[in-house]
Amino acid sequence: MSVPTNIVEGYSRKGEKELIQFLNISIGSLAEVKYLLHFAHSLGYLSQDDYVALDQASDGVGAKLWSFYQAVRSK
């Protein structure tokens, strides 16, 4: 939830500088999610298949988030 809500908050501030700041926060939040996935898997809360699927999905989100971040920064 943190990733999209930070994007929304940054966008609502109506300035590119603010949006970039909140995109940075979103990138950090995604890193937290990836760690928590790893942690949950290591404790046995996620099967290998579920972990791999969720990790790949988070990589996809990360790629899109990074592209968005670069596009905003290049304006």
Protein backbone atom coordinates (compact mmCIF):
# COMPACT_ATOMS: atom_id res chain seq x y z
CA MET A 1 0.00 0.00 0.00
CA SER A 2 2.86 2.38 0.69
CA VAL A 3 4.14 2.48 -2.90
CA PRO A 4 0.97 3.68 -4.62
CA THR A 5 -0.15 5.94 -1.78
CA ASN A 6 3.19 7.77 -1.86
CA ILE A 7 2.83 8.25 -5.60
CA VAL A 8 -0.66 9.67 -5.11
CA GLU A 9 0.52 11.97 -2.34
CA GLY A 10 3.43 13.25 -4.44
CA TYR A 11 1.21 13.80 -7.46
CA SER A 12 -1.36 15.67 -5.38
CA ARG A 13 1.26 18.20 -4.31
CA LYS A 14 1.19 19.59 -7.86
CA GLY A 15 4.89 20.04 -8.31
CA GLU A 16 7.54 17.93 -10.02
CA LYS A 17 10.02 18.39 -7.17
CA GLU A 18 7.49 17.05 -4.66
CA LEU A 19 6.51 14.19 -6.96
CA ILE A 20 10.16 13.18 -7.34
CA GLN A 21 10.57 13.18 -3.55
CA PHE A 22 7.56 10.90 -3.09
CA LEU A 23 8.71 8.65 -5.94
CA ASN A 24 11.98 8.27 -4.03
CA ILE A 25 9.98 7.28 -0.98
CA SER A 26 8.00 4.81 -3.10
CA ILE A 27 11.23 3.23 -4.35
CA GLY A 28 12.34 2.81 -0.74
CA SER A 29 8.98 1.31 0.17
CA LEU A 30 9.32 -1.21 -2.63
CA ALA A 31 12.73 -2.20 -1.28
CA GLU A 32 11.06 -2.79 2.09
CA VAL A 33 8.44 -4.99 0.43
CA LYS A 34 11.15 -7.05 -1.26
CA TYR A 35 12.91 -7.54 2.07
CA LEU A 36 9.67 -8.53 3.80
CA LEU A 37 8.95 -11.07 1.06
CA HIS A 38 12.38 -12.58 1.60
CA PHE A 39 11.89 -12.55 5.37
CA ALA A 40 8.44 -14.17 5.16
CA HIS A 41 9.83 -16.86 2.85
CA SER A 42 12.77 -17.56 5.15
CA LEU A 43 10.34 -18.07 8.06
CA GLY A 44 8.24 -20.46 5.99
CA TYR A 45 5.22 -18.18 5.60
CA LEU A 46 5.56 -18.22 1.79
CA SER A 47 6.13 -21.27 -0.36
CA GLN A 48 8.95 -21.16 -2.88
CA ASP A 49 6.46 -20.79 -5.73
CA ASP A 50 4.59 -17.95 -4.02
CA TYR A 51 7.83 -16.22 -3.12
CA VAL A 52 9.14 -16.41 -6.68
CA ALA A 53 5.84 -15.14 -8.13
CA LEU A 54 5.63 -12.23 -5.70
CA ASP A 55 9.30 -11.37 -6.14
CA GLN A 56 8.90 -11.30 -9.91
CA ALA A 57 5.78 -9.16 -9.59
CA SER A 58 7.65 -6.70 -7.36
CA ASP A 59 10.46 -6.57 -9.93
CA GLY A 60 7.88 -5.64 -12.56
CA VAL A 61 6.48 -2.90 -10.35
CA GLY A 62 10.03 -1.70 -9.69
CA ALA A 63 10.81 -1.46 -13.40
CA LYS A 64 7.67 0.58 -14.04
CA LEU A 65 8.28 2.77 -11.00
CA TRP A 66 11.87 3.44 -12.10
CA SER A 67 10.72 4.35 -15.63
CA PHE A 68 8.17 6.76 -14.18
CA TYR A 69 10.80 8.28 -11.89
CA GLN A 70 13.22 8.79 -14.81
CA ALA A 71 10.50 10.32 -16.97
CA VAL A 72 9.57 12.85 -14.29
CA ARG A 73 13.21 13.72 -13.60
CA SER A 74 13.97 14.28 -17.29
CA LYS A 75 11.29 16.98 -17.67
